[in-house]
Protein backbone atom coordinates (compact mmCIF):
# COMPACT_ATOMS: atom_id res chain seq x y z
CA MET A 1 275.86 119.64 -31.65
CA GLN A 2 272.83 121.84 -32.26
CA LYS A 3 273.18 124.59 -34.89
CA THR A 4 271.31 127.91 -34.72
CA ILE A 5 269.73 129.56 -37.77
CA TYR A 6 268.60 133.18 -37.82
CA LEU A 7 265.55 133.60 -40.06
CA VAL A 8 265.32 137.21 -41.21
CA ALA A 9 262.06 138.89 -42.21
CA GLY A 10 261.22 142.54 -42.68
CA ALA A 11 257.70 142.63 -44.09
CA ARG A 12 254.54 140.55 -44.16
CA PRO A 13 255.40 138.59 -47.36
CA ASN A 14 258.75 137.62 -45.82
CA PHE A 15 256.97 135.89 -42.95
CA MET A 16 254.90 133.92 -45.42
CA LYS A 17 258.18 132.70 -46.93
CA ILE A 18 259.87 131.77 -43.67
CA ALA A 19 256.74 130.17 -42.18
CA PRO A 20 257.15 126.82 -44.00
CA ILE A 21 260.82 126.76 -43.00
CA VAL A 22 259.88 127.36 -39.36
CA ARG A 23 257.35 124.54 -39.49
CA ALA A 24 259.98 122.21 -40.96
CA LEU A 25 262.60 123.27 -38.40
CA LYS A 26 260.24 122.64 -35.49
CA THR A 27 260.52 118.91 -36.08
CA HIS A 28 264.29 118.85 -36.57
CA PRO A 29 266.38 117.59 -33.63
CA THR A 30 269.72 119.29 -34.43
CA LEU A 31 268.68 122.67 -35.88
CA ALA A 32 267.46 125.52 -33.70
CA PHE A 33 266.14 128.84 -35.02
CA ARG A 34 265.34 132.38 -34.05
CA ILE A 35 262.97 134.63 -35.99
CA ILE A 36 264.38 138.12 -36.50
CA HIS A 37 261.85 140.81 -37.46
CA THR A 38 263.70 143.93 -38.62
CA GLY A 39 260.54 146.02 -38.56
CA GLN A 40 261.20 147.28 -42.08
CA HIS A 41 257.46 147.58 -42.61
CA TYR A 42 254.85 148.12 -39.93
CA ASP A 43 251.66 146.23 -40.73
CA PRO A 44 248.73 146.37 -38.30
CA GLU A 45 247.55 143.00 -39.66
CA MET A 46 250.70 141.35 -38.25
CA ASN A 47 249.17 140.52 -34.88
CA ALA A 48 248.97 137.30 -32.89
CA VAL A 49 246.29 135.92 -35.23
CA PHE A 50 248.55 136.49 -38.24
CA PHE A 51 251.31 134.30 -36.81
CA GLU A 52 248.78 131.75 -35.60
CA GLU A 53 247.41 131.48 -39.17
CA LEU A 54 250.94 130.90 -40.44
CA GLY A 55 251.51 128.18 -37.86
CA ILE A 56 254.61 129.90 -36.43
CA PRO A 57 255.53 131.69 -33.20
CA GLN A 58 255.86 135.44 -33.03
CA PRO A 59 259.38 136.82 -33.73
CA ASP A 60 262.06 136.34 -31.11
CA ILE A 61 263.52 139.75 -31.91
CA PHE A 62 261.75 142.87 -33.15
CA MET A 63 264.16 145.62 -34.21
CA GLY A 64 261.55 148.21 -35.13
CA VAL A 65 263.74 150.07 -37.62
CA GLY A 66 260.79 151.60 -39.48
CA GLY A 67 260.87 153.55 -42.72
CA GLY A 68 263.06 156.18 -44.32
CA SER A 69 264.91 156.24 -47.61
CA HIS A 70 266.46 153.04 -48.92
CA ALA A 71 269.85 154.11 -47.55
CA GLN A 72 268.48 155.16 -44.16
CA GLN A 73 266.46 152.00 -43.73
CA THR A 74 269.27 149.71 -44.83
CA ALA A 75 271.71 151.45 -42.50
CA LYS A 76 269.40 151.19 -39.48
CA ILE A 77 268.86 147.48 -40.11
CA MET A 78 272.61 146.88 -40.45
CA ILE A 79 273.43 148.65 -37.19
CA ALA A 80 270.76 146.82 -35.20
CA PHE A 81 271.49 143.41 -36.72
CA GLU A 82 275.25 143.72 -36.28
CA GLN A 83 274.84 144.41 -32.58
CA TYR A 84 272.57 141.43 -32.15
CA CYS A 85 274.85 139.06 -34.08
CA GLN A 86 277.86 140.16 -32.06
CA ASN A 87 276.03 139.39 -28.82
CA HIS A 88 274.37 136.18 -30.03
CA ARG A 89 276.27 134.68 -32.94
CA PRO A 90 274.33 132.20 -35.14
CA ASP A 91 275.72 129.42 -37.30
CA VAL A 92 273.96 130.76 -40.40
CA VAL A 93 271.78 133.70 -41.42
CA LEU A 94 268.93 132.78 -43.74
CA VAL A 95 267.38 135.60 -45.77
CA VAL A 96 264.42 135.46 -48.15
CA GLY A 97 263.39 137.42 -51.19
CA ASP A 98 264.70 140.82 -52.19
CA VAL A 99 263.74 143.50 -49.66
CA ASN A 100 266.13 145.89 -47.91
CA SER A 101 266.26 143.59 -44.88
CA THR A 102 267.54 140.80 -47.12
CA LEU A 103 270.38 142.98 -48.39
CA ALA A 104 271.28 144.58 -45.05
CA CYS A 105 271.42 141.39 -42.98
CA SER A 106 273.38 139.54 -45.68
CA ILE A 107 276.08 142.21 -45.67
CA VAL A 108 276.30 142.25 -41.88
CA ALA A 109 276.52 138.46 -41.63
CA LYS A 110 279.17 138.19 -44.32
CA LYS A 111 281.37 140.87 -42.72
CA LEU A 112 281.11 138.96 -39.43
CA GLN A 113 282.13 135.74 -41.23
CA ILE A 114 278.72 134.17 -40.67
CA PRO A 115 277.50 132.04 -43.61
CA VAL A 116 274.51 133.35 -45.57
CA ALA A 117 271.76 131.25 -47.16
CA HIS A 118 269.49 133.00 -49.66
CA VAL A 119 266.01 131.65 -50.35
CA GLU A 120 264.59 132.75 -53.74
CA ALA A 121 268.11 133.17 -55.08
CA GLY A 122 268.98 133.74 -58.72
CA LEU A 123 265.86 135.60 -59.85
CA ARG A 124 266.69 138.39 -62.30
CA SER A 125 264.54 140.96 -64.09
CA GLY A 126 267.50 142.65 -65.79
CA ASP A 127 266.06 146.02 -64.72
CA LEU A 128 268.41 147.94 -62.42
CA ARG A 129 265.76 150.63 -61.95
CA MET A 130 264.07 148.18 -59.58
CA PRO A 131 265.44 148.39 -56.00
CA GLU A 132 264.62 144.69 -55.64
CA GLU A 133 266.93 143.79 -58.53
CA ILE A 134 269.83 145.57 -56.85
CA ASN A 135 269.07 143.76 -53.60
CA ARG A 136 269.00 140.40 -55.40
CA LEU A 137 272.29 140.97 -57.19
CA VAL A 138 274.18 142.12 -54.11
CA THR A 139 272.74 139.42 -51.84
CA ASP A 140 273.60 136.67 -54.29
CA SER A 141 277.11 138.07 -54.79
CA ILE A 142 277.98 137.35 -51.15
CA SER A 143 275.76 134.38 -50.22
CA ASP A 144 277.18 130.94 -49.51
CA TRP A 145 274.17 128.78 -50.36
CA PHE A 146 271.49 129.49 -52.94
CA PHE A 147 267.99 128.04 -52.70
CA VAL A 148 266.35 128.47 -56.10
CA THR A 149 262.68 128.44 -57.08
CA GLU A 150 262.94 127.81 -60.83
CA PRO A 151 265.49 126.77 -63.49
CA SER A 152 266.17 130.35 -64.63
CA GLY A 153 267.64 131.02 -61.18
CA VAL A 154 270.12 128.18 -61.59
CA GLN A 155 271.14 129.51 -65.01
CA HIS A 156 271.69 133.05 -63.72
CA LEU A 157 273.79 131.90 -60.78
CA ARG A 158 275.96 129.69 -62.95
CA HIS A 159 276.45 132.57 -65.37
CA GLU A 160 277.56 134.71 -62.42
CA GLY A 161 280.17 132.12 -61.46
CA LYS A 162 278.51 130.39 -58.54
CA PRO A 163 279.52 126.73 -58.06
CA ASP A 164 276.96 124.02 -58.73
CA SER A 165 277.70 122.59 -55.29
CA ALA A 166 276.19 125.70 -53.67
CA ILE A 167 273.07 125.94 -55.86
CA PHE A 168 269.95 123.98 -54.90
CA ASN A 169 266.74 123.97 -56.94
CA VAL A 170 264.33 123.20 -54.11
CA GLY A 171 260.99 124.57 -55.25
CA HIS A 172 259.24 127.55 -53.71
CA VAL A 173 258.49 128.26 -50.05
CA MET A 174 255.86 130.83 -51.05
CA ILE A 175 253.96 128.03 -52.75
CA ASP A 176 254.46 125.87 -49.65
CA ASN A 177 252.70 128.59 -47.69
CA LEU A 178 250.00 129.11 -50.32
CA LEU A 179 249.05 125.42 -50.36
CA TYR A 180 249.12 125.31 -46.55
CA GLN A 181 246.81 128.34 -46.29
CA ALA A 182 244.52 127.19 -49.11
CA GLU A 183 243.97 123.92 -47.27
CA LYS A 184 243.16 125.82 -44.06
CA LEU A 185 240.76 128.03 -46.01
CA THR A 186 238.59 125.02 -46.90
CA CYS A 187 237.81 124.58 -43.20
CA MET A 188 237.37 128.24 -42.25
CA ASP A 189 234.24 130.31 -41.75
CA THR A 190 234.71 133.02 -44.40
CA ARG A 191 231.54 134.96 -43.67
CA ASN A 192 233.39 137.70 -41.80
CA PHE A 193 236.11 138.17 -44.42
CA ALA A 194 236.23 141.69 -45.84
CA THR A 195 236.02 140.24 -49.34
CA THR A 196 233.00 138.00 -48.80
CA PRO A 197 230.20 140.57 -49.47
CA TYR A 198 231.73 141.54 -52.81
CA LYS A 199 232.35 137.95 -53.85
CA ASN A 200 228.84 136.87 -52.84
CA ALA A 201 227.26 139.79 -54.68
CA GLN A 202 228.99 138.86 -57.93
CA THR A 203 228.18 135.17 -57.54
CA GLU A 204 224.51 135.83 -56.79
CA ALA A 205 224.31 138.07 -59.87
CA GLY A 206 225.85 135.31 -61.97
CA LYS A 207 228.88 137.45 -62.76
CA ARG A 208 232.58 136.77 -62.94
CA TYR A 209 234.99 139.30 -61.48
CA GLY A 210 238.64 140.28 -61.70
CA VAL A 211 241.18 141.40 -59.11
CA ILE A 212 243.73 144.23 -59.41
CA THR A 213 246.93 144.91 -57.46
CA LEU A 214 249.34 147.71 -58.39
CA HIS A 215 252.22 149.08 -56.35
CA ARG A 216 255.40 149.28 -58.50
CA PRO A 217 256.82 152.83 -58.54
CA SER A 218 257.27 152.59 -62.32
CA ASN A 219 253.50 152.10 -62.64
CA VAL A 220 251.96 154.24 -59.93
CA ASP A 221 254.45 157.06 -59.28
CA ASN A 222 254.33 158.42 -62.83
CA ALA A 223 251.16 160.38 -63.62
CA ASP A 224 251.12 159.58 -67.34
CA THR A 225 251.80 155.87 -66.92
CA PHE A 226 249.31 155.45 -64.09
CA SER A 227 246.63 157.38 -65.99
CA LEU A 228 247.03 155.16 -69.07
CA ILE A 229 246.88 151.99 -66.96
CA GLY A 230 243.81 153.41 -65.22
CA GLN A 231 242.10 153.97 -68.58
CA ALA A 232 242.77 150.36 -69.55
CA LEU A 233 241.35 149.06 -66.28
CA LYS A 234 238.28 151.27 -66.64
CA THR A 235 237.64 149.84 -70.11
CA ILE A 236 238.04 146.24 -68.91
CA ALA A 237 235.66 146.92 -66.02
CA GLN A 238 232.89 147.81 -68.46
CA GLU A 239 232.79 144.10 -69.30
CA LEU A 240 234.19 142.50 -66.13
CA PRO A 241 233.64 143.97 -62.65
CA LEU A 242 236.97 144.54 -60.91
CA ILE A 243 237.96 144.83 -57.26
CA PHE A 244 241.12 146.70 -56.30
CA PRO A 245 242.70 146.33 -52.83
CA VAL A 246 244.74 149.54 -52.92
CA HIS A 247 248.28 149.91 -51.60
CA PRO A 248 248.58 153.14 -49.50
CA ARG A 249 251.03 154.80 -51.91
CA THR A 250 248.86 153.76 -54.86
CA ARG A 251 245.79 155.30 -53.25
CA GLN A 252 247.69 158.51 -52.57
CA ASN A 253 248.66 158.73 -56.23
CA LEU A 254 245.16 157.92 -57.44
CA GLU A 255 244.03 161.02 -55.59
CA LYS A 256 247.09 163.10 -56.48
CA TYR A 257 246.75 162.48 -60.22
CA ALA A 258 242.92 162.60 -60.13
CA ILE A 259 242.60 159.21 -61.83
CA ASP A 260 238.98 158.16 -62.37
CA LEU A 261 238.58 154.38 -62.49
CA GLY A 262 234.83 154.51 -63.03
CA PRO A 263 231.92 152.87 -61.19
CA ASN A 264 232.73 149.25 -62.05
CA ILE A 265 235.98 149.09 -60.07
CA THR A 266 235.50 148.60 -56.33
CA LEU A 267 238.31 150.03 -54.20
CA THR A 268 239.16 148.53 -50.81
CA GLY A 269 241.95 148.96 -48.32
CA PRO A 270 244.82 146.44 -48.07
CA LEU A 271 243.54 142.96 -47.24
CA ALA A 272 244.66 140.28 -44.82
CA TYR A 273 246.26 137.27 -46.51
CA MET A 274 243.41 134.81 -46.06
CA SER A 275 240.76 137.32 -47.07
CA PHE A 276 242.74 138.20 -50.19
CA LEU A 277 243.35 134.54 -51.06
CA HIS A 278 239.64 133.87 -50.64
CA LEU A 279 239.02 136.63 -53.19
CA TRP A 280 241.57 136.03 -55.95
CA LYS A 281 241.54 132.21 -56.04
CA ASP A 282 238.13 132.31 -57.74
CA ALA A 283 238.74 135.36 -59.95
CA ALA A 284 238.33 135.18 -63.72
CA VAL A 285 241.62 137.05 -64.04
CA VAL A 286 244.15 138.85 -61.84
CA LEU A 287 245.80 142.04 -63.13
CA THR A 288 248.96 142.83 -61.20
CA ASP A 289 252.52 144.09 -61.09
CA SER A 290 253.37 141.86 -58.12
CA GLY A 291 256.11 139.26 -58.43
CA GLY A 292 254.68 136.92 -55.82
CA LEU A 293 251.16 136.98 -57.24
CA GLN A 294 252.48 135.86 -60.65
CA GLU A 295 253.70 132.71 -58.90
CA GLU A 296 250.69 132.16 -56.68
CA THR A 297 248.20 132.47 -59.53
CA THR A 298 250.27 129.98 -61.53
CA ALA A 299 250.17 127.52 -58.62
CA MET A 300 246.38 127.85 -58.34
CA GLY A 301 245.69 127.92 -62.09
CA VAL A 302 244.24 131.45 -62.11
CA PRO A 303 244.84 133.56 -65.25
CA CYS A 304 247.24 136.44 -64.55
CA ILE A 305 247.94 139.60 -66.56
CA THR A 306 251.24 141.16 -65.44
CA ILE A 307 251.39 144.89 -66.09
CA ARG A 308 255.17 145.21 -66.35
CA GLU A 309 257.80 145.31 -69.08
CA ASN A 310 259.80 142.45 -67.55
CA THR A 311 259.57 139.65 -65.02
CA GLU A 312 262.12 137.86 -62.88
CA ARG A 313 259.81 134.84 -62.82
CA PRO A 314 259.76 133.54 -66.41
CA ILE A 315 258.54 130.08 -65.47
CA THR A 316 255.12 131.58 -64.75
CA ILE A 317 254.91 132.47 -68.45
CA GLU A 318 256.62 129.38 -69.87
CA GLU A 319 254.58 126.87 -67.87
CA GLY A 320 252.01 128.79 -65.86
CA THR A 321 249.03 131.07 -66.34
CA ASN A 322 250.88 134.38 -66.53
CA LYS A 323 250.98 136.80 -69.47
CA LEU A 324 253.49 139.67 -69.49
CA VAL A 325 251.75 142.54 -71.29
CA GLY A 326 253.69 145.74 -70.50
CA THR A 327 251.94 149.04 -69.80
CA ASP A 328 250.42 149.94 -73.19
CA PRO A 329 246.66 150.34 -72.59
CA SER A 330 245.54 148.65 -75.81
CA THR A 331 247.73 145.62 -75.09
CA ILE A 332 246.45 145.34 -71.52
CA ILE A 333 242.85 145.47 -72.77
CA ASN A 334 243.31 143.08 -75.68
CA GLU A 335 245.27 140.47 -73.71
CA THR A 336 242.79 140.56 -70.84
CA PHE A 337 239.78 140.12 -73.13
CA ASN A 338 241.62 137.33 -74.95
CA VAL A 339 242.12 135.50 -71.66
CA LEU A 340 238.49 135.97 -70.70
CA ARG A 341 237.18 134.72 -74.03
CA ASN A 342 239.71 131.95 -74.55
CA PRO A 343 240.50 130.38 -71.17
CA GLN A 344 243.97 128.85 -71.06
CA THR A 345 244.11 125.11 -70.54
CA ALA A 346 247.73 124.28 -71.45
CA TYR A 347 249.47 125.18 -68.22
CA ARG A 348 250.98 123.30 -65.32
CA ARG A 349 252.29 123.90 -61.83
CA PRO A 350 256.10 124.03 -62.13
CA GLU A 351 258.19 121.09 -60.99
CA LEU A 352 258.95 121.05 -57.24
CA TRP A 353 256.17 123.56 -56.48
CA ASP A 354 254.64 120.79 -54.41
CA GLY A 355 254.53 122.23 -50.89
CA ARG A 356 257.77 120.57 -49.75
CA ALA A 357 260.43 123.16 -50.59
CA ALA A 358 261.01 124.00 -46.93
CA GLU A 359 261.64 120.36 -46.07
CA ARG A 360 264.32 120.24 -48.77
CA ILE A 361 265.92 123.45 -47.52
CA VAL A 362 266.11 122.20 -43.95
CA ALA A 363 267.58 118.85 -45.04
CA ILE A 364 270.26 120.62 -47.09
CA LEU A 365 271.10 123.07 -44.31
CA ASN A 366 271.48 120.19 -41.88
CA ARG A 367 274.00 118.63 -44.26
CA VAL A 368 276.03 121.70 -45.28
CA LEU A 369 276.26 123.15 -41.77
CA ASP A 370 278.42 120.20 -40.83
CA GLN A 371 281.18 121.70 -42.97
CA PRO A 372 282.59 125.23 -43.26
CA ALA A 373 280.93 127.36 -45.94
CA THR A 374 284.25 127.66 -47.80
CA GLN A 375 284.24 123.89 -48.36
CA VAL A 376 280.99 124.09 -50.37
CA GLU A 377 283.01 125.26 -53.36
């Protein structure tokens, strides 16, 4: 008998995570799926071309819940998702990552006695000031099956009392998607990408360049912290030209706090995935506070400087190209220049980050859905 899986996504990165699972499910004879877009974030780049690039159909359901505070947004998602699940009950709800949609739909499913599968389970930063950390902890506390990206996730889940029979170290769907898109990029005409003029200009001048992304509230919502980070970036840019695709809230705060990044940092608007990949894959270094970019740079062997005090992705430091440097300006500057002058060679792509995580997830779901979730323990 065919089983139905609801794949929940609320923002553009979520679709990049479910895309490999959708592609794997398309070839499976006994598993059906529906893509549920909560509408947590509205992104004008998420058009028909976006889904075509991912190799997946557009969402079956668009809830359009929009913004608001964390509580307002979570509540709106829960109300809309509950109504849909009551009218069209799935066999399992699969959530990815750590956004509000992940939390909200997990709670709804569990209260309706629908099993929950969490992809990217077990990641922990230990920092409860991060909304994402709260979402991870709560989602994992009620999930039935845990699909883990790295060994630290297995350790955390065991420490929290989860049974080994429910924990599966499968690799990383975000890396599945990255490798899929990187392969497509080799065959694409990149001349019309927003990033191409900048990249060509640096190449023609014989220069390397670096890429910046910053969006964490702890970095960009505090005037003193953001100003100090800005000073560090300005200093680095005197030696290495930098390009900065700016998150809307980050741009607002740049203007609000009157932060001057100097003439050697080029600011752009948010970039489409392929255009951004085309840019950062050839960068001398990426400076970021993004969780996903720590992983993607590791997979592609690009040096990464993470401007945070902690990371929920330690494997990117232990095996990959990532350095966790905090927010002290002198440390950011020194570690970046050290990377530029002493390129790292002793790194590797973590085990199971091979582009086949989604296949493993689908195979496991096919097996465990033949038994009640309570029997997994």
